[in-house]
Amino acid sequence: KRPLQLSDRSPTSLAPPWGLGAYQSLCAQERMSSSAEEVASAHLKVVVSEARPGDHVDEAHSGGGGGKGAARCTQRRMLIVCVVSAVLMMVACVTITVAYMVKPEGKDEVIVHVAGHDISDDDVHNLFTHMQAGEDNITLQVVDDASGVQHSFRLQVNAFNPNVTHSSNGTAKSVLLINEETGGFQFGNTSIQALVCDSDGTREANCTLETSLPRSLQLDDNTADVIKHGITYGVVGAVVIVCIAACTPAVLSAAPAIMGAAGCFPARAAVQTMSGWRAIKSLSIGTMLMTSQGYSPVFLSGHNDFHAVTTMVQFTTASNHTLTVTPDHYLPLSGGLHRSAGGISMGDELLVQVGSDFVPSMITSIGLVEEQGLFNPYTTSGDLVVDGILASCHSSWFLEGVLPEERIVPAYQAIMTPLSMLYGVLPDWFARFATEFADDPRPLSEAGFLHIAKVAFLTLYKR
C-alpha cells in the first residue's frame, strides 16, 4: 500500500491564504516606492535649502509623497479585511445556525429502557410505531435502568410488517431480526440476533433481546410464520444496528454502549508542534500542529475540560503506537474513509506517522481505559497527529443517523471551513473567543448557539 504523503511545506514556507501573498508583495513594492519617494523628498529639501533666491524648484516633487504608499496599502488592507470578515461571518453564522437549529424530519431519537435482556414493552411499541410510519433510519437512545448509563446506536430498517399470524389459542410472538446477514449484532463475545415480544397484533409484551433465533425459525424460511407447540413466531421485520460509539460488554450485556462525553482526547495525549511534542492540554489558539497537510494552526477548541474522568477506547497497532480517544470521535482508516472509534474493529488499519509519511498499521488490540481530561483542538486542515497516529478533529454532532458514516466527516469539515477561513483574517478574535471559554468544561456543542453567538460578538472588538 502506498503511504499517504505529507505536504513538504516547511513552517517558513507556509503561504498566506486566499492570495494575500501577491497582495503583500504589492504592498512591499508600494513601501519600497514610498521609501524612494522619501529619499527623493529629503534630497529635494536639501536642494531647496541650498537654492539661491530666484531659483525655481518643482514643488510637485518636493515633499508630501513620503508614506503615501504605505497609507494606501493600509487602507486597502483594512477594506479587504472588513469585506472578507463580513462575508465569512455571514457564511459561518448560516452554517452554524443550520447545524444547531435545523433537525431533519423524522430523525428524532427514540428512547428505549432496558434491564439486562429485558426491554420496556411501551418503548418497543413506540419504536414499532416509528417503523410502521415509514422511518427507516432511526437513532436509538438506550437507557440502562440498572446503571443509569445512556447508550446510543443507529438502527437501519430493511423491512417491517407488524401483521403476524396468530395461533388458535391467541398466543403469538413477534420477531424482529437484528443484523441477519452477519449472524447478529456482535457485542463482545455475545451475538444479539433478535428482539422477541409476545404480541396480540396491537401491543407488544414481555420483550427481550435474544442471543439465538427460535429453533422453529432456524428450520424454516425466516420470512414465513411457523407454528410450533401452539405458538406462532412471526417475523415482523429486519433491522441493521450500527454503533455510534463503542459497544462494550463491560457496560451492558445485551446492548451497545456509549460514554457520555463529546468526542475528545485525554489530557495526556501528545501532539507534534513545530518545537516538539507537547501535551494536548497545553495548546492554545495559533499553535502549529502536524497534520496530513504539514503544519496547520489550531483555530478553535471544541472541548477544554481538565478534570473530567471518562471511559475511552484505546487502540494499539502493529507498529506499537497507542491511541486513546472517546468512542464517538472519528478516525481516518487506511482505505480513505472515516469511522467513529466505537465502530472500529480488530484488523482495521490506522494511519501512523513514519518520518514524513503516513503508513497503514493494523490494530492488534482494542480496550477500554479510564482517562482524565477532555480536549478537542480543531486545525484548519481538519485533522492532527496524536500520539503518532493521524486522527480527525471531528466527532459526533448532528449528522449521525442522517448521512452515511463515510460522508459525515467531509460534511463537518465543509461546515467548519468558513470559520477556519475567518481565522486566517482575524486570528486575534479567535484567541479572545477561546479565552472566554477557557474555564468552561462543556463542549462547544452543548454551550448553545445563542451563547456562542453572544460571546463571539462581545469578543469581536474587545482588546
Foldseek 3Di string as FASTA:
>chain_A
DDFQFAAPDDPVRDDFPDPCNVLVVQLVVLLVVLVVLVVQLVVLVVVVVPDDPPDDDDVVSNDPSHPPSNVVSVVVLVVVLVVLLVVLVVLLLVLVCCQQPPADPLADEQEWEDEAFWTDQVSVLVVLVSVVVPDFKYWYWYAYPVVRAIFIWIKGFPAFALDFDAFPVQWEKEKEFEPVVVQADDAPPAGFTIWIFIDNSNTTHRIGTDRDDPVQCVVDPVCDWDADPRYIYHYGGYMYIAGLFARHCVVHPGDRGFKPAFKFFFQQKWWAFPVGIDGLLPDAFQTWTQASHGTFTFLAKQFRAQFDKIKWKWWAWPVRFIGTIGGQFWAAWPVGFIDGNNRDDFQTWFWFDDPSTTDTTTTDDMDIDIGGIGIQTQTLVQWGAISRTIGGSDGDARCVSPDPRRCVSVVVNVSCNSVNVSCSSPVVLSRQLCVVCNPPRGGPSPPDPVVSVVSSVVSVPDD
